[in-house]
Amino acid sequence: MNSYLVEMNDSELTLSLGITNLFDEEAPLLYDAANWSYASKHHDPGGRMVYLGFKLAR
């Protein structure tokens, strides 16, 4: 995650931008006796996610 700080008079504006799973790779399959699934402790099957955040502090 990258974060940028902009100071304006008596306020601070922080911008955050990030990308999870940049190359949109699928979680590897894992055989767990019941079915083929993925290791939820280590992988997220949600795919690529881009997020942007703003925080204004006075």
N, C-alpha and C. Protein backbone atom coordinates (compact mmCIF):
# COMPACT_ATOMS: atom_id res chain seq x y z
N MET A 1 0.84 -1.17 0.00
CA MET A 1 0.00 0.00 0.00
C MET A 1 0.89 1.24 0.00
N ASN A 2 0.55 2.19 -0.81
CA ASN A 2 1.24 3.47 -0.84
C ASN A 2 0.37 4.51 -0.16
N SER A 3 1.02 5.48 0.45
CA SER A 3 0.29 6.50 1.17
C SER A 3 0.98 7.84 0.93
N TYR A 4 0.20 8.89 0.76
CA TYR A 4 0.72 10.23 0.48
C TYR A 4 0.10 11.21 1.45
N LEU A 5 0.91 12.14 1.95
CA LEU A 5 0.44 13.13 2.91
C LEU A 5 0.52 14.51 2.29
N VAL A 6 -0.59 15.25 2.34
CA VAL A 6 -0.65 16.62 1.83
C VAL A 6 -1.08 17.51 2.99
N GLU A 7 -0.28 18.52 3.33
CA GLU A 7 -0.62 19.42 4.42
C GLU A 7 -1.27 20.69 3.87
N MET A 8 -2.43 21.06 4.43
CA MET A 8 -3.17 22.24 3.98
C MET A 8 -3.49 23.10 5.19
N ASN A 9 -2.85 24.24 5.33
CA ASN A 9 -3.06 25.15 6.46
C ASN A 9 -3.02 24.38 7.78
N ASP A 10 -4.14 24.24 8.45
CA ASP A 10 -4.20 23.54 9.73
C ASP A 10 -4.70 22.10 9.59
N SER A 11 -4.81 21.60 8.37
CA SER A 11 -5.36 20.27 8.14
C SER A 11 -4.33 19.39 7.42
N GLU A 12 -4.52 18.08 7.53
CA GLU A 12 -3.71 17.12 6.81
C GLU A 12 -4.63 16.20 6.02
N LEU A 13 -4.32 16.00 4.77
CA LEU A 13 -5.08 15.08 3.92
C LEU A 13 -4.15 13.93 3.56
N THR A 14 -4.54 12.71 3.92
CA THR A 14 -3.76 11.52 3.61
C THR A 14 -4.50 10.72 2.55
N LEU A 15 -3.84 10.41 1.45
CA LEU A 15 -4.41 9.61 0.37
C LEU A 15 -3.73 8.25 0.37
N SER A 16 -4.51 7.20 0.27
CA SER A 16 -3.98 5.84 0.23
C SER A 16 -4.49 5.15 -1.03
N LEU A 17 -3.61 4.41 -1.68
CA LEU A 17 -3.96 3.68 -2.89
C LEU A 17 -3.29 2.32 -2.82
N GLY A 18 -4.03 1.26 -3.15
CA GLY A 18 -3.46 -0.07 -3.09
C GLY A 18 -4.15 -1.02 -4.05
N ILE A 19 -3.44 -2.10 -4.38
CA ILE A 19 -3.98 -3.15 -5.23
C ILE A 19 -3.62 -4.49 -4.59
N THR A 20 -4.62 -5.32 -4.40
CA THR A 20 -4.41 -6.67 -3.91
C THR A 20 -4.57 -7.63 -5.08
N ASN A 21 -3.67 -8.59 -5.19
CA ASN A 21 -3.69 -9.59 -6.27
C ASN A 21 -3.59 -8.89 -7.64
N LEU A 22 -2.53 -8.15 -7.83
CA LEU A 22 -2.32 -7.33 -9.02
C LEU A 22 -2.50 -8.12 -10.32
N PHE A 23 -2.00 -9.34 -10.39
CA PHE A 23 -2.05 -10.12 -11.62
C PHE A 23 -3.27 -11.04 -11.70
N ASP A 24 -4.23 -10.88 -10.78
CA ASP A 24 -5.50 -11.62 -10.77
C ASP A 24 -5.30 -13.13 -10.82
N GLU A 25 -4.37 -13.64 -9.99
CA GLU A 25 -4.12 -15.08 -9.94
C GLU A 25 -5.18 -15.77 -9.09
N GLU A 26 -5.55 -16.98 -9.48
CA GLU A 26 -6.52 -17.74 -8.71
C GLU A 26 -5.82 -18.44 -7.56
N ALA A 27 -6.55 -18.65 -6.46
CA ALA A 27 -6.00 -19.37 -5.30
C ALA A 27 -5.77 -20.82 -5.70
N PRO A 28 -4.63 -21.42 -5.29
CA PRO A 28 -4.38 -22.82 -5.63
C PRO A 28 -5.36 -23.75 -4.92
N LEU A 29 -5.74 -24.82 -5.60
CA LEU A 29 -6.68 -25.78 -5.02
C LEU A 29 -5.99 -26.66 -3.99
N LEU A 30 -6.75 -27.08 -3.01
CA LEU A 30 -6.26 -27.91 -1.92
C LEU A 30 -7.30 -29.00 -1.68
N TYR A 31 -6.86 -30.26 -1.65
CA TYR A 31 -7.78 -31.36 -1.37
C TYR A 31 -7.85 -31.55 0.13
N ASP A 32 -9.04 -31.40 0.71
CA ASP A 32 -9.20 -31.52 2.16
C ASP A 32 -10.16 -32.63 2.57
N ALA A 33 -10.22 -33.69 1.79
CA ALA A 33 -11.03 -34.89 2.04
C ALA A 33 -12.52 -34.68 1.78
N ALA A 34 -13.05 -33.49 2.00
CA ALA A 34 -14.47 -33.26 1.74
C ALA A 34 -14.68 -32.80 0.29
N ASN A 35 -13.79 -31.96 -0.19
CA ASN A 35 -13.91 -31.44 -1.56
C ASN A 35 -12.62 -30.72 -1.94
N TRP A 36 -12.57 -30.25 -3.17
CA TRP A 36 -11.45 -29.42 -3.60
C TRP A 36 -11.78 -27.99 -3.24
N SER A 37 -10.91 -27.35 -2.52
CA SER A 37 -11.16 -26.01 -2.04
C SER A 37 -9.86 -25.21 -2.11
N TYR A 38 -9.71 -24.21 -1.30
CA TYR A 38 -8.49 -23.42 -1.21
C TYR A 38 -8.18 -23.21 0.28
N ALA A 39 -6.94 -22.91 0.60
CA ALA A 39 -6.54 -22.68 1.99
C ALA A 39 -6.94 -21.26 2.38
N SER A 40 -8.05 -21.13 3.08
CA SER A 40 -8.58 -19.81 3.40
C SER A 40 -7.69 -19.02 4.36
N LYS A 41 -6.80 -19.68 5.07
CA LYS A 41 -5.87 -18.97 5.96
C LYS A 41 -4.77 -18.27 5.16
N HIS A 42 -4.55 -18.72 3.93
CA HIS A 42 -3.43 -18.20 3.15
C HIS A 42 -3.84 -17.51 1.86
N HIS A 43 -5.05 -17.75 1.38
CA HIS A 43 -5.46 -17.21 0.09
C HIS A 43 -6.87 -16.63 0.15
N ASP A 44 -7.14 -15.68 -0.74
CA ASP A 44 -8.46 -15.07 -0.86
C ASP A 44 -8.93 -15.28 -2.30
N PRO A 45 -10.05 -15.95 -2.52
CA PRO A 45 -10.50 -16.23 -3.89
C PRO A 45 -11.18 -15.03 -4.55
N GLY A 46 -11.17 -13.89 -3.93
CA GLY A 46 -11.90 -12.72 -4.44
C GLY A 46 -11.34 -12.11 -5.70
N GLY A 47 -10.11 -12.43 -6.07
CA GLY A 47 -9.54 -11.85 -7.28
C GLY A 47 -8.89 -10.50 -7.01
N ARG A 48 -8.71 -9.73 -8.06
CA ARG A 48 -8.05 -8.43 -7.95
C ARG A 48 -8.95 -7.42 -7.25
N MET A 49 -8.34 -6.60 -6.38
CA MET A 49 -9.08 -5.57 -5.69
C MET A 49 -8.23 -4.30 -5.66
N VAL A 50 -8.83 -3.19 -6.09
CA VAL A 50 -8.17 -1.89 -6.07
C VAL A 50 -8.90 -1.03 -5.05
N TYR A 51 -8.14 -0.33 -4.20
CA TYR A 51 -8.81 0.50 -3.20
C TYR A 51 -8.14 1.85 -3.11
N LEU A 52 -8.93 2.83 -2.73
CA LEU A 52 -8.50 4.22 -2.60
C LEU A 52 -9.10 4.76 -1.32
N GLY A 53 -8.28 5.44 -0.51
CA GLY A 53 -8.78 5.98 0.75
C GLY A 53 -8.36 7.43 0.94
N PHE A 54 -9.20 8.16 1.62
CA PHE A 54 -8.95 9.56 1.96
C PHE A 54 -9.13 9.73 3.46
N LYS A 55 -8.25 10.50 4.09
CA LYS A 55 -8.41 10.80 5.50
C LYS A 55 -8.05 12.27 5.72
N LEU A 56 -8.97 13.03 6.28
CA LEU A 56 -8.76 14.44 6.55
C LEU A 56 -8.72 14.64 8.05
N ALA A 57 -7.61 15.16 8.55
CA ALA A 57 -7.45 15.42 9.98
C ALA A 57 -7.26 16.92 10.20
N ARG A 58 -7.97 17.49 11.15
CA ARG A 58 -7.87 18.92 11.43
C ARG A 58 -7.14 19.15 12.72
